[in-house]
Amino acid sequence: MSNKKEWPLFEIFIRSKNGLEHRHAGSLHAADPTMALENARDVYTRRQEGVSIWVVESKDIHASNPEQAGELFEPAKDKVYRHPTFYELPIELKHI
């Protein structure tokens, strides 16, 4: 039994009916992406919560290293003009 190959791990992202973005819903093992989609549908959208499913093999996801957060994100701090609080809005724009 120890010589059996383990199925790859897939990360599941679901877009809800009233959402604009996909959100991470969880992970599951599957033999291939097609099986991962079918299993994700059964596991994560049982009550018709979603309108779209993405499956990504975990090994294909690359993330930033928390120890390098400073050098990665610090340069954005000196660009205050990118923040909406930098601009004064006209009085006519009441709902922004």
N, C-alpha and C. Protein backbone atom coordinates (compact mmCIF):
# COMPACT_ATOMS: atom_id res chain seq x y z
N MET A 1 0.81 -1.19 0.00
CA MET A 1 0.00 0.00 0.00
C MET A 1 0.86 1.26 0.00
N SER A 2 2.07 1.17 0.47
CA SER A 2 2.93 2.34 0.51
C SER A 2 3.46 2.72 -0.87
N ASN A 3 3.32 1.83 -1.86
CA ASN A 3 3.80 2.15 -3.20
C ASN A 3 2.75 2.83 -4.06
N LYS A 4 1.55 3.05 -3.54
CA LYS A 4 0.51 3.75 -4.29
C LYS A 4 0.87 5.22 -4.43
N LYS A 5 0.64 5.75 -5.61
CA LYS A 5 0.90 7.16 -5.85
C LYS A 5 -0.26 7.98 -5.29
N GLU A 6 0.07 9.01 -4.54
CA GLU A 6 -0.97 9.88 -3.97
C GLU A 6 -1.43 10.88 -5.03
N TRP A 7 -2.74 11.13 -5.09
CA TRP A 7 -3.28 12.10 -6.02
C TRP A 7 -2.79 13.49 -5.66
N PRO A 8 -2.62 14.35 -6.66
CA PRO A 8 -2.16 15.71 -6.37
C PRO A 8 -3.22 16.52 -5.62
N LEU A 9 -2.75 17.52 -4.91
CA LEU A 9 -3.62 18.42 -4.15
C LEU A 9 -4.01 19.59 -5.03
N PHE A 10 -5.30 19.92 -5.05
CA PHE A 10 -5.81 21.06 -5.81
C PHE A 10 -6.40 22.08 -4.85
N GLU A 11 -6.17 23.36 -5.15
CA GLU A 11 -6.79 24.45 -4.41
C GLU A 11 -8.04 24.85 -5.17
N ILE A 12 -9.12 25.08 -4.43
CA ILE A 12 -10.41 25.36 -5.03
C ILE A 12 -10.81 26.81 -4.79
N PHE A 13 -11.21 27.49 -5.85
CA PHE A 13 -11.66 28.88 -5.77
C PHE A 13 -13.08 28.94 -6.35
N ILE A 14 -13.99 29.56 -5.60
CA ILE A 14 -15.40 29.64 -6.00
C ILE A 14 -15.80 31.11 -6.14
N ARG A 15 -16.55 31.41 -7.18
CA ARG A 15 -17.16 32.75 -7.31
C ARG A 15 -18.63 32.60 -6.98
N SER A 16 -19.08 33.34 -5.98
CA SER A 16 -20.47 33.22 -5.55
C SER A 16 -21.38 33.98 -6.51
N LYS A 17 -22.67 33.77 -6.36
CA LYS A 17 -23.66 34.40 -7.24
C LYS A 17 -23.59 35.92 -7.16
N ASN A 18 -23.36 36.44 -5.98
CA ASN A 18 -23.36 37.89 -5.84
C ASN A 18 -21.94 38.44 -5.66
N GLY A 19 -20.94 37.66 -6.01
CA GLY A 19 -19.57 38.12 -5.87
C GLY A 19 -18.92 38.40 -7.21
N LEU A 20 -17.88 39.22 -7.17
CA LEU A 20 -17.18 39.54 -8.41
C LEU A 20 -15.86 38.79 -8.51
N GLU A 21 -15.37 38.29 -7.40
CA GLU A 21 -14.08 37.63 -7.40
C GLU A 21 -14.20 36.19 -6.92
N HIS A 22 -13.26 35.38 -7.31
CA HIS A 22 -13.19 34.01 -6.82
C HIS A 22 -12.52 34.04 -5.45
N ARG A 23 -13.01 33.24 -4.53
CA ARG A 23 -12.43 33.16 -3.19
C ARG A 23 -12.00 31.72 -2.92
N HIS A 24 -10.93 31.60 -2.18
CA HIS A 24 -10.43 30.27 -1.85
C HIS A 24 -11.45 29.57 -0.96
N ALA A 25 -11.88 28.38 -1.39
CA ALA A 25 -12.88 27.63 -0.64
C ALA A 25 -12.27 26.48 0.13
N GLY A 26 -11.15 25.96 -0.34
CA GLY A 26 -10.53 24.83 0.32
C GLY A 26 -9.63 24.07 -0.63
N SER A 27 -9.30 22.87 -0.23
CA SER A 27 -8.40 22.02 -1.01
C SER A 27 -8.98 20.62 -1.10
N LEU A 28 -8.57 19.90 -2.14
CA LEU A 28 -8.95 18.48 -2.25
C LEU A 28 -7.97 17.76 -3.14
N HIS A 29 -7.90 16.45 -2.97
CA HIS A 29 -7.06 15.60 -3.80
C HIS A 29 -7.91 15.04 -4.93
N ALA A 30 -7.33 15.00 -6.12
CA ALA A 30 -8.03 14.43 -7.28
C ALA A 30 -6.99 13.90 -8.26
N ALA A 31 -7.43 12.99 -9.11
CA ALA A 31 -6.52 12.38 -10.08
C ALA A 31 -6.11 13.36 -11.17
N ASP A 32 -7.03 14.28 -11.56
CA ASP A 32 -6.75 15.23 -12.62
C ASP A 32 -7.66 16.45 -12.45
N PRO A 33 -7.45 17.51 -13.24
CA PRO A 33 -8.27 18.72 -13.09
C PRO A 33 -9.77 18.50 -13.32
N THR A 34 -10.12 17.61 -14.23
CA THR A 34 -11.54 17.34 -14.49
C THR A 34 -12.20 16.74 -13.25
N MET A 35 -11.53 15.79 -12.66
CA MET A 35 -12.05 15.17 -11.43
C MET A 35 -12.09 16.20 -10.30
N ALA A 36 -11.09 17.08 -10.24
CA ALA A 36 -11.06 18.12 -9.21
C ALA A 36 -12.25 19.05 -9.36
N LEU A 37 -12.59 19.43 -10.61
CA LEU A 37 -13.76 20.29 -10.84
C LEU A 37 -15.05 19.62 -10.39
N GLU A 38 -15.21 18.35 -10.75
CA GLU A 38 -16.42 17.63 -10.37
C GLU A 38 -16.53 17.48 -8.86
N ASN A 39 -15.42 17.12 -8.22
CA ASN A 39 -15.44 16.97 -6.76
C ASN A 39 -15.66 18.30 -6.07
N ALA A 40 -15.05 19.37 -6.59
CA ALA A 40 -15.23 20.70 -6.01
C ALA A 40 -16.69 21.13 -6.11
N ARG A 41 -17.31 20.85 -7.24
CA ARG A 41 -18.73 21.16 -7.40
C ARG A 41 -19.56 20.44 -6.34
N ASP A 42 -19.28 19.16 -6.15
CA ASP A 42 -20.04 18.37 -5.19
C ASP A 42 -19.79 18.79 -3.74
N VAL A 43 -18.54 19.15 -3.44
CA VAL A 43 -18.17 19.47 -2.06
C VAL A 43 -18.46 20.91 -1.68
N TYR A 44 -18.14 21.85 -2.58
CA TYR A 44 -18.17 23.27 -2.21
C TYR A 44 -19.37 24.04 -2.75
N THR A 45 -20.17 23.45 -3.63
CA THR A 45 -21.35 24.17 -4.14
C THR A 45 -22.60 23.30 -4.05
N ARG A 46 -22.73 22.58 -2.97
CA ARG A 46 -23.87 21.67 -2.79
C ARG A 46 -25.20 22.42 -2.80
N ARG A 47 -25.19 23.64 -2.31
CA ARG A 47 -26.43 24.41 -2.19
C ARG A 47 -26.50 25.50 -3.24
N GLN A 48 -25.86 25.28 -4.35
CA GLN A 48 -25.85 26.21 -5.49
C GLN A 48 -25.31 27.58 -5.09
N GLU A 49 -24.23 27.59 -4.29
CA GLU A 49 -23.64 28.86 -3.85
C GLU A 49 -22.81 29.53 -4.93
N GLY A 50 -22.30 28.76 -5.88
CA GLY A 50 -21.35 29.32 -6.83
C GLY A 50 -21.85 29.38 -8.25
N VAL A 51 -21.16 30.23 -9.04
CA VAL A 51 -21.45 30.31 -10.47
C VAL A 51 -20.20 29.99 -11.30
N SER A 52 -19.06 29.88 -10.62
CA SER A 52 -17.82 29.58 -11.31
C SER A 52 -16.85 28.90 -10.35
N ILE A 53 -16.11 27.93 -10.86
CA ILE A 53 -15.13 27.21 -10.04
C ILE A 53 -13.79 27.22 -10.77
N TRP A 54 -12.74 27.52 -10.02
CA TRP A 54 -11.38 27.37 -10.53
C TRP A 54 -10.71 26.30 -9.70
N VAL A 55 -9.96 25.43 -10.34
CA VAL A 55 -9.12 24.46 -9.63
C VAL A 55 -7.69 24.68 -10.09
N VAL A 56 -6.78 24.75 -9.14
CA VAL A 56 -5.37 24.98 -9.43
C VAL A 56 -4.56 23.97 -8.64
N GLU A 57 -3.71 23.26 -9.33
CA GLU A 57 -2.86 22.30 -8.61
C GLU A 57 -1.95 23.09 -7.67
N SER A 58 -1.91 22.67 -6.43
CA SER A 58 -1.18 23.40 -5.38
C SER A 58 0.28 23.65 -5.75
N LYS A 59 0.89 22.71 -6.43
CA LYS A 59 2.31 22.86 -6.78
C LYS A 59 2.54 24.01 -7.76
N ASP A 60 1.48 24.47 -8.43
CA ASP A 60 1.60 25.55 -9.40
C ASP A 60 1.37 26.93 -8.80
N ILE A 61 1.09 27.00 -7.51
CA ILE A 61 0.88 28.29 -6.85
C ILE A 61 2.19 28.72 -6.21
N HIS A 62 2.59 29.93 -6.52
CA HIS A 62 3.81 30.49 -5.95
C HIS A 62 3.43 31.72 -5.15
N ALA A 63 3.91 31.80 -3.94
CA ALA A 63 3.54 32.90 -3.04
C ALA A 63 4.77 33.67 -2.60
N SER A 64 4.54 34.90 -2.18
CA SER A 64 5.65 35.71 -1.66
C SER A 64 6.08 35.15 -0.31
N ASN A 65 7.32 35.39 0.02
CA ASN A 65 7.89 34.94 1.29
C ASN A 65 7.63 36.01 2.34
N PRO A 66 6.96 35.68 3.45
CA PRO A 66 6.68 36.68 4.49
C PRO A 66 7.94 37.37 5.01
N GLU A 67 9.06 36.69 4.97
CA GLU A 67 10.31 37.29 5.45
C GLU A 67 10.82 38.37 4.50
N GLN A 68 10.35 38.36 3.28
CA GLN A 68 10.77 39.36 2.30
C GLN A 68 9.69 40.40 2.04
N ALA A 69 8.72 40.49 2.92
CA ALA A 69 7.60 41.41 2.72
C ALA A 69 8.06 42.86 2.64
N GLY A 70 9.04 43.22 3.43
CA GLY A 70 9.53 44.60 3.42
C GLY A 70 10.02 45.03 2.06
N GLU A 71 10.93 44.29 1.49
CA GLU A 71 11.50 44.67 0.20
C GLU A 71 10.49 44.55 -0.94
N LEU A 72 9.46 43.70 -0.76
CA LEU A 72 8.46 43.53 -1.80
C LEU A 72 7.40 44.62 -1.77
N PHE A 73 6.95 45.01 -0.56
CA PHE A 73 5.82 45.93 -0.44
C PHE A 73 6.20 47.35 -0.02
N GLU A 74 7.37 47.57 0.51
CA GLU A 74 7.77 48.90 0.96
C GLU A 74 7.77 49.95 -0.15
N PRO A 75 8.21 49.65 -1.37
CA PRO A 75 8.24 50.69 -2.41
C PRO A 75 6.88 51.34 -2.66
N ALA A 76 5.79 50.66 -2.39
CA ALA A 76 4.46 51.23 -2.63
C ALA A 76 4.09 52.30 -1.61
N LYS A 77 4.75 52.34 -0.47
CA LYS A 77 4.40 53.30 0.58
C LYS A 77 4.69 54.74 0.18
N ASP A 78 5.65 54.95 -0.71
CA ASP A 78 5.98 56.32 -1.09
C ASP A 78 5.15 56.83 -2.26
N LYS A 79 4.11 56.12 -2.62
CA LYS A 79 3.24 56.53 -3.71
C LYS A 79 1.86 56.90 -3.16
N VAL A 80 1.85 57.93 -2.32
CA VAL A 80 0.60 58.32 -1.66
C VAL A 80 -0.45 58.80 -2.64
N TYR A 81 -0.02 59.26 -3.79
CA TYR A 81 -0.97 59.74 -4.79
C TYR A 81 -1.89 58.63 -5.30
N ARG A 82 -1.56 57.38 -5.03
CA ARG A 82 -2.40 56.27 -5.45
C ARG A 82 -3.57 56.01 -4.49
N HIS A 83 -3.53 56.65 -3.35
CA HIS A 83 -4.60 56.47 -2.37
C HIS A 83 -5.70 57.49 -2.62
N PRO A 84 -6.95 57.08 -2.59
CA PRO A 84 -8.05 58.01 -2.88
C PRO A 84 -8.16 59.15 -1.87
N THR A 85 -7.58 59.00 -0.69
CA THR A 85 -7.66 60.06 0.32
C THR A 85 -6.78 61.24 -0.06
N PHE A 86 -5.92 61.10 -1.04
CA PHE A 86 -5.02 62.16 -1.46
C PHE A 86 -5.76 63.26 -2.22
N TYR A 87 -6.88 62.90 -2.85
CA TYR A 87 -7.60 63.83 -3.71
C TYR A 87 -8.78 64.45 -2.98
N GLU A 88 -9.05 65.71 -3.29
CA GLU A 88 -10.25 66.37 -2.78
C GLU A 88 -11.33 66.22 -3.84
N LEU A 89 -12.49 65.75 -3.42
CA LEU A 89 -13.59 65.53 -4.35
C LEU A 89 -14.54 66.73 -4.33
N PRO A 90 -15.13 67.04 -5.48
CA PRO A 90 -16.13 68.12 -5.50
C PRO A 90 -17.34 67.77 -4.65
N ILE A 91 -18.01 68.77 -4.16
CA ILE A 91 -19.19 68.57 -3.29
C ILE A 91 -20.28 67.82 -4.04
N GLU A 92 -20.37 67.99 -5.35
CA GLU A 92 -21.42 67.34 -6.14
C GLU A 92 -21.34 65.81 -6.05
N LEU A 93 -20.18 65.29 -5.77
CA LEU A 93 -20.01 63.83 -5.67
C LEU A 93 -20.32 63.40 -4.24
N LYS A 94 -21.55 63.11 -3.97
CA LYS A 94 -21.98 62.82 -2.59
C LYS A 94 -21.88 61.35 -2.23
N HIS A 95 -21.94 60.46 -3.18
CA HIS A 95 -22.03 59.02 -2.86
C HIS A 95 -20.73 58.28 -3.10
N ILE A 96 -19.62 58.95 -3.03
CA ILE A 96 -18.33 58.28 -3.23
C ILE A 96 -17.58 58.25 -1.93
